[in-house]
Amino acid sequence: MSQNPTAMLVLVGLAALGVLFGLTASRRAAKKAAKGVREVNRLTAMAFRTVLFAGVITGVQWLVTHYASDPRVIVPTLAIPALVAAFQLARMFAVTEIVYSSRRGGSHR
């Protein structure tokens, strides 16, 4: 049984293109997965720090309000963390600029 060499070359070429496509697609998928893991790790670390600092602030406020009866001590103890939290919330909800991410070639969308 004789085979056509041109058909074999076309099949080998198509197989090579399929392998190259598979390699590039898997590389893109791996990069996307790694980026997702980094973002989740950042969010987890940020959530942990937020809970930790909230616990420290709450503990200090509880100690001061439990053992002090002077309003000159209690008011700043409660007001200063409230002002910091209000500032952060106001900054979070204020849109001050639009940031564009640059894609390949530096074009903006």
N, C-alpha and C. Protein backbone atom coordinates (compact mmCIF):
# COMPACT_ATOMS: atom_id res chain seq x y z
N MET A 1 0.84 -1.17 0.00
CA MET A 1 0.00 0.00 0.00
C MET A 1 0.89 1.24 0.00
N SER A 2 0.83 2.05 -1.06
CA SER A 2 1.66 3.25 -1.15
C SER A 2 0.87 4.44 -0.62
N GLN A 3 1.58 5.33 0.04
CA GLN A 3 0.94 6.51 0.60
C GLN A 3 1.46 7.73 -0.13
N ASN A 4 0.64 8.73 -0.18
CA ASN A 4 0.99 9.98 -0.84
C ASN A 4 1.89 10.79 0.10
N PRO A 5 3.16 11.10 -0.30
CA PRO A 5 4.04 11.87 0.59
C PRO A 5 3.54 13.28 0.88
N THR A 6 2.82 13.86 -0.04
CA THR A 6 2.28 15.21 0.19
C THR A 6 1.23 15.17 1.30
N ALA A 7 0.39 14.17 1.27
CA ALA A 7 -0.63 14.05 2.31
C ALA A 7 0.01 13.82 3.67
N MET A 8 1.09 13.02 3.70
CA MET A 8 1.80 12.80 4.98
C MET A 8 2.41 14.10 5.49
N LEU A 9 3.00 14.91 4.60
CA LEU A 9 3.58 16.18 5.02
C LEU A 9 2.51 17.12 5.57
N VAL A 10 1.36 17.14 4.91
CA VAL A 10 0.26 17.99 5.39
C VAL A 10 -0.20 17.52 6.77
N LEU A 11 -0.34 16.21 6.95
CA LEU A 11 -0.76 15.69 8.25
C LEU A 11 0.28 15.97 9.34
N VAL A 12 1.56 15.83 9.03
CA VAL A 12 2.62 16.13 9.99
C VAL A 12 2.60 17.62 10.33
N GLY A 13 2.40 18.46 9.32
CA GLY A 13 2.33 19.91 9.56
C GLY A 13 1.15 20.28 10.44
N LEU A 14 0.00 19.66 10.17
CA LEU A 14 -1.18 19.93 11.00
C LEU A 14 -0.97 19.43 12.44
N ALA A 15 -0.33 18.29 12.57
CA ALA A 15 -0.05 17.77 13.91
C ALA A 15 0.89 18.70 14.66
N ALA A 16 1.90 19.22 13.96
CA ALA A 16 2.84 20.16 14.60
C ALA A 16 2.12 21.43 15.03
N LEU A 17 1.23 21.94 14.17
CA LEU A 17 0.47 23.13 14.54
C LEU A 17 -0.42 22.85 15.76
N GLY A 18 -1.01 21.67 15.81
CA GLY A 18 -1.83 21.30 16.96
C GLY A 18 -1.03 21.25 18.25
N VAL A 19 0.18 20.69 18.17
CA VAL A 19 1.05 20.63 19.35
C VAL A 19 1.44 22.03 19.79
N LEU A 20 1.82 22.90 18.83
CA LEU A 20 2.19 24.28 19.19
C LEU A 20 1.01 25.03 19.81
N PHE A 21 -0.17 24.84 19.24
CA PHE A 21 -1.35 25.49 19.80
C PHE A 21 -1.62 25.00 21.22
N GLY A 22 -1.49 23.71 21.43
CA GLY A 22 -1.69 23.14 22.77
C GLY A 22 -0.70 23.68 23.77
N LEU A 23 0.57 23.83 23.36
CA LEU A 23 1.59 24.35 24.28
C LEU A 23 1.32 25.80 24.64
N THR A 24 0.97 26.63 23.64
CA THR A 24 0.71 28.04 23.95
C THR A 24 -0.55 28.20 24.79
N ALA A 25 -1.57 27.38 24.50
CA ALA A 25 -2.80 27.47 25.30
C ALA A 25 -2.55 27.04 26.74
N SER A 26 -1.75 26.01 26.92
CA SER A 26 -1.47 25.57 28.29
C SER A 26 -0.61 26.59 29.03
N ARG A 27 0.28 27.26 28.31
CA ARG A 27 1.10 28.30 28.94
C ARG A 27 0.23 29.46 29.41
N ARG A 28 -0.72 29.88 28.55
CA ARG A 28 -1.63 30.96 28.93
C ARG A 28 -2.50 30.55 30.12
N ALA A 29 -2.97 29.32 30.10
CA ALA A 29 -3.80 28.85 31.21
C ALA A 29 -3.00 28.80 32.51
N ALA A 30 -1.74 28.40 32.43
CA ALA A 30 -0.90 28.34 33.63
C ALA A 30 -0.66 29.75 34.18
N LYS A 31 -0.41 30.71 33.29
CA LYS A 31 -0.20 32.10 33.75
C LYS A 31 -1.46 32.65 34.40
N LYS A 32 -2.61 32.36 33.78
CA LYS A 32 -3.88 32.85 34.34
C LYS A 32 -4.14 32.23 35.70
N ALA A 33 -3.87 30.94 35.85
CA ALA A 33 -4.07 30.27 37.13
C ALA A 33 -3.13 30.82 38.19
N ALA A 34 -1.86 31.08 37.82
CA ALA A 34 -0.91 31.63 38.78
C ALA A 34 -1.33 33.03 39.22
N LYS A 35 -1.84 33.83 38.29
CA LYS A 35 -2.30 35.17 38.65
C LYS A 35 -3.49 35.09 39.60
N GLY A 36 -4.41 34.15 39.35
CA GLY A 36 -5.55 33.97 40.24
C GLY A 36 -5.13 33.56 41.63
N VAL A 37 -4.12 32.69 41.74
CA VAL A 37 -3.62 32.27 43.05
C VAL A 37 -2.99 33.44 43.78
N ARG A 38 -2.22 34.27 43.07
CA ARG A 38 -1.61 35.46 43.70
C ARG A 38 -2.68 36.39 44.23
N GLU A 39 -3.74 36.62 43.44
CA GLU A 39 -4.80 37.53 43.89
C GLU A 39 -5.52 36.98 45.11
N VAL A 40 -5.78 35.68 45.14
CA VAL A 40 -6.43 35.07 46.30
C VAL A 40 -5.53 35.18 47.52
N ASN A 41 -4.23 34.94 47.35
CA ASN A 41 -3.30 35.05 48.47
C ASN A 41 -3.25 36.47 49.00
N ARG A 42 -3.26 37.47 48.09
CA ARG A 42 -3.28 38.86 48.54
C ARG A 42 -4.54 39.17 49.32
N LEU A 43 -5.68 38.71 48.82
CA LEU A 43 -6.95 38.97 49.51
C LEU A 43 -6.98 38.27 50.86
N THR A 44 -6.46 37.06 50.93
CA THR A 44 -6.43 36.33 52.20
C THR A 44 -5.55 37.04 53.21
N ALA A 45 -4.37 37.48 52.77
CA ALA A 45 -3.46 38.20 53.67
C ALA A 45 -4.09 39.51 54.14
N MET A 46 -4.76 40.21 53.23
CA MET A 46 -5.41 41.47 53.60
C MET A 46 -6.54 41.23 54.58
N ALA A 47 -7.32 40.19 54.37
CA ALA A 47 -8.41 39.87 55.29
C ALA A 47 -7.86 39.50 56.67
N PHE A 48 -6.78 38.74 56.71
CA PHE A 48 -6.17 38.36 57.98
C PHE A 48 -5.68 39.59 58.73
N ARG A 49 -4.97 40.50 58.03
CA ARG A 49 -4.48 41.71 58.69
C ARG A 49 -5.62 42.59 59.17
N THR A 50 -6.70 42.66 58.39
CA THR A 50 -7.85 43.47 58.78
C THR A 50 -8.47 42.94 60.06
N VAL A 51 -8.67 41.64 60.13
CA VAL A 51 -9.25 41.04 61.34
C VAL A 51 -8.31 41.20 62.53
N LEU A 52 -7.02 41.04 62.30
CA LEU A 52 -6.04 41.20 63.38
C LEU A 52 -6.06 42.61 63.95
N PHE A 53 -6.00 43.62 63.07
CA PHE A 53 -6.00 45.00 63.55
C PHE A 53 -7.33 45.38 64.19
N ALA A 54 -8.43 44.86 63.64
CA ALA A 54 -9.73 45.14 64.26
C ALA A 54 -9.79 44.55 65.67
N GLY A 55 -9.22 43.36 65.84
CA GLY A 55 -9.18 42.75 67.17
C GLY A 55 -8.34 43.54 68.14
N VAL A 56 -7.20 44.06 67.68
CA VAL A 56 -6.34 44.87 68.56
C VAL A 56 -7.05 46.16 68.95
N ILE A 57 -7.64 46.83 67.97
CA ILE A 57 -8.34 48.09 68.27
C ILE A 57 -9.51 47.85 69.22
N THR A 58 -10.28 46.81 68.96
CA THR A 58 -11.41 46.49 69.83
C THR A 58 -10.96 46.16 71.24
N GLY A 59 -9.87 45.41 71.35
CA GLY A 59 -9.34 45.07 72.68
C GLY A 59 -8.90 46.29 73.46
N VAL A 60 -8.19 47.20 72.80
CA VAL A 60 -7.75 48.42 73.47
C VAL A 60 -8.95 49.27 73.88
N GLN A 61 -9.93 49.39 72.97
CA GLN A 61 -11.13 50.16 73.31
C GLN A 61 -11.87 49.54 74.49
N TRP A 62 -11.98 48.23 74.49
CA TRP A 62 -12.67 47.57 75.61
C TRP A 62 -11.93 47.82 76.92
N LEU A 63 -10.59 47.68 76.90
CA LEU A 63 -9.82 47.91 78.13
C LEU A 63 -10.00 49.33 78.65
N VAL A 64 -9.92 50.30 77.75
CA VAL A 64 -10.02 51.70 78.19
C VAL A 64 -11.43 51.99 78.70
N THR A 65 -12.45 51.57 77.97
CA THR A 65 -13.81 51.87 78.42
C THR A 65 -14.20 51.07 79.66
N HIS A 66 -13.59 49.93 79.85
CA HIS A 66 -13.91 49.11 81.03
C HIS A 66 -13.26 49.68 82.30
N TYR A 67 -12.03 50.17 82.18
CA TYR A 67 -11.30 50.60 83.37
C TYR A 67 -11.28 52.11 83.57
N ALA A 68 -11.66 52.88 82.57
CA ALA A 68 -11.64 54.34 82.73
C ALA A 68 -13.07 54.86 82.81
N SER A 69 -13.25 55.90 83.59
CA SER A 69 -14.58 56.50 83.69
C SER A 69 -14.57 57.96 83.23
N ASP A 70 -13.40 58.48 82.94
CA ASP A 70 -13.26 59.88 82.51
C ASP A 70 -13.60 59.99 81.02
N PRO A 71 -14.56 60.84 80.66
CA PRO A 71 -14.92 60.99 79.25
C PRO A 71 -13.78 61.54 78.39
N ARG A 72 -12.83 62.26 79.00
CA ARG A 72 -11.68 62.77 78.23
C ARG A 72 -10.78 61.63 77.76
N VAL A 73 -10.89 60.46 78.36
CA VAL A 73 -10.13 59.29 77.94
C VAL A 73 -10.96 58.42 77.00
N ILE A 74 -12.24 58.26 77.31
CA ILE A 74 -13.11 57.37 76.54
C ILE A 74 -13.40 57.93 75.14
N VAL A 75 -13.70 59.21 75.03
CA VAL A 75 -14.08 59.80 73.73
C VAL A 75 -12.95 59.66 72.70
N PRO A 76 -11.71 60.06 73.01
CA PRO A 76 -10.66 59.87 72.00
C PRO A 76 -10.41 58.39 71.67
N THR A 77 -10.57 57.53 72.67
CA THR A 77 -10.35 56.11 72.43
C THR A 77 -11.36 55.56 71.42
N LEU A 78 -12.57 56.04 71.46
CA LEU A 78 -13.58 55.60 70.50
C LEU A 78 -13.56 56.43 69.22
N ALA A 79 -13.25 57.71 69.30
CA ALA A 79 -13.35 58.60 68.15
C ALA A 79 -12.21 58.45 67.15
N ILE A 80 -10.99 58.25 67.62
CA ILE A 80 -9.85 58.19 66.70
C ILE A 80 -9.95 56.98 65.76
N PRO A 81 -10.20 55.77 66.24
CA PRO A 81 -10.37 54.66 65.29
C PRO A 81 -11.58 54.86 64.37
N ALA A 82 -12.65 55.49 64.88
CA ALA A 82 -13.82 55.75 64.03
C ALA A 82 -13.47 56.73 62.91
N LEU A 83 -12.67 57.75 63.22
CA LEU A 83 -12.25 58.70 62.19
C LEU A 83 -11.36 58.03 61.13
N VAL A 84 -10.46 57.18 61.57
CA VAL A 84 -9.59 56.47 60.62
C VAL A 84 -10.43 55.55 59.72
N ALA A 85 -11.37 54.84 60.31
CA ALA A 85 -12.23 53.95 59.52
C ALA A 85 -13.10 54.74 58.55
N ALA A 86 -13.65 55.87 59.00
CA ALA A 86 -14.47 56.71 58.13
C ALA A 86 -13.64 57.27 56.98
N PHE A 87 -12.41 57.67 57.25
CA PHE A 87 -11.53 58.18 56.19
C PHE A 87 -11.27 57.10 55.15
N GLN A 88 -10.98 55.88 55.60
CA GLN A 88 -10.71 54.79 54.67
C GLN A 88 -11.95 54.44 53.84
N LEU A 89 -13.12 54.45 54.47
CA LEU A 89 -14.35 54.17 53.72
C LEU A 89 -14.64 55.27 52.71
N ALA A 90 -14.46 56.52 53.10
CA ALA A 90 -14.69 57.62 52.16
C ALA A 90 -13.72 57.54 50.99
N ARG A 91 -12.47 57.20 51.27
CA ARG A 91 -11.47 57.06 50.20
C ARG A 91 -11.80 55.89 49.29
N MET A 92 -12.32 54.81 49.88
CA MET A 92 -12.65 53.64 49.08
C MET A 92 -13.81 53.91 48.13
N PHE A 93 -14.80 54.67 48.57
CA PHE A 93 -15.97 54.92 47.74
C PHE A 93 -15.83 56.13 46.83
N ALA A 94 -14.78 56.92 46.99
CA ALA A 94 -14.57 58.08 46.13
C ALA A 94 -13.79 57.64 44.90
N VAL A 95 -14.32 57.95 43.72
CA VAL A 95 -13.61 57.66 42.48
C VAL A 95 -12.85 58.92 42.11
N THR A 96 -11.54 58.88 42.24
CA THR A 96 -10.75 60.07 41.98
C THR A 96 -10.07 60.05 40.62
N GLU A 97 -9.86 58.86 40.05
CA GLU A 97 -9.24 58.78 38.74
C GLU A 97 -9.60 57.44 38.09
N ILE A 98 -9.51 57.44 36.79
CA ILE A 98 -9.74 56.20 36.05
C ILE A 98 -8.39 55.70 35.59
N VAL A 99 -8.08 54.46 35.96
CA VAL A 99 -6.79 53.87 35.62
C VAL A 99 -7.01 52.86 34.51
N TYR A 100 -6.28 53.05 33.42
CA TYR A 100 -6.36 52.10 32.31
C TYR A 100 -5.20 51.13 32.42
N SER A 101 -5.47 49.88 32.15
CA SER A 101 -4.38 48.91 32.12
C SER A 101 -3.88 48.84 30.69
N SER A 102 -2.58 48.84 30.54
CA SER A 102 -2.04 48.78 29.19
C SER A 102 -1.95 47.33 28.74
N ARG A 103 -2.29 47.11 27.52
CA ARG A 103 -2.19 45.78 26.93
C ARG A 103 -0.96 45.76 26.03
N ARG A 104 -0.80 44.68 25.32
CA ARG A 104 0.35 44.56 24.42
C ARG A 104 0.38 45.74 23.45
N GLY A 105 1.52 46.33 23.29
CA GLY A 105 1.64 47.44 22.38
C GLY A 105 1.29 48.78 23.00
N GLY A 106 0.86 48.79 24.26
CA GLY A 106 0.58 50.05 24.95
C GLY A 106 -0.75 50.68 24.57
N SER A 107 -1.62 49.97 23.89
CA SER A 107 -2.90 50.56 23.52
C SER A 107 -3.85 50.51 24.71
N HIS A 108 -4.76 51.48 24.76
CA HIS A 108 -5.74 51.56 25.84
C HIS A 108 -7.09 51.15 25.30
N ARG A 109 -7.89 50.51 26.15
CA ARG A 109 -9.26 50.15 25.76
C ARG A 109 -10.24 50.78 26.68
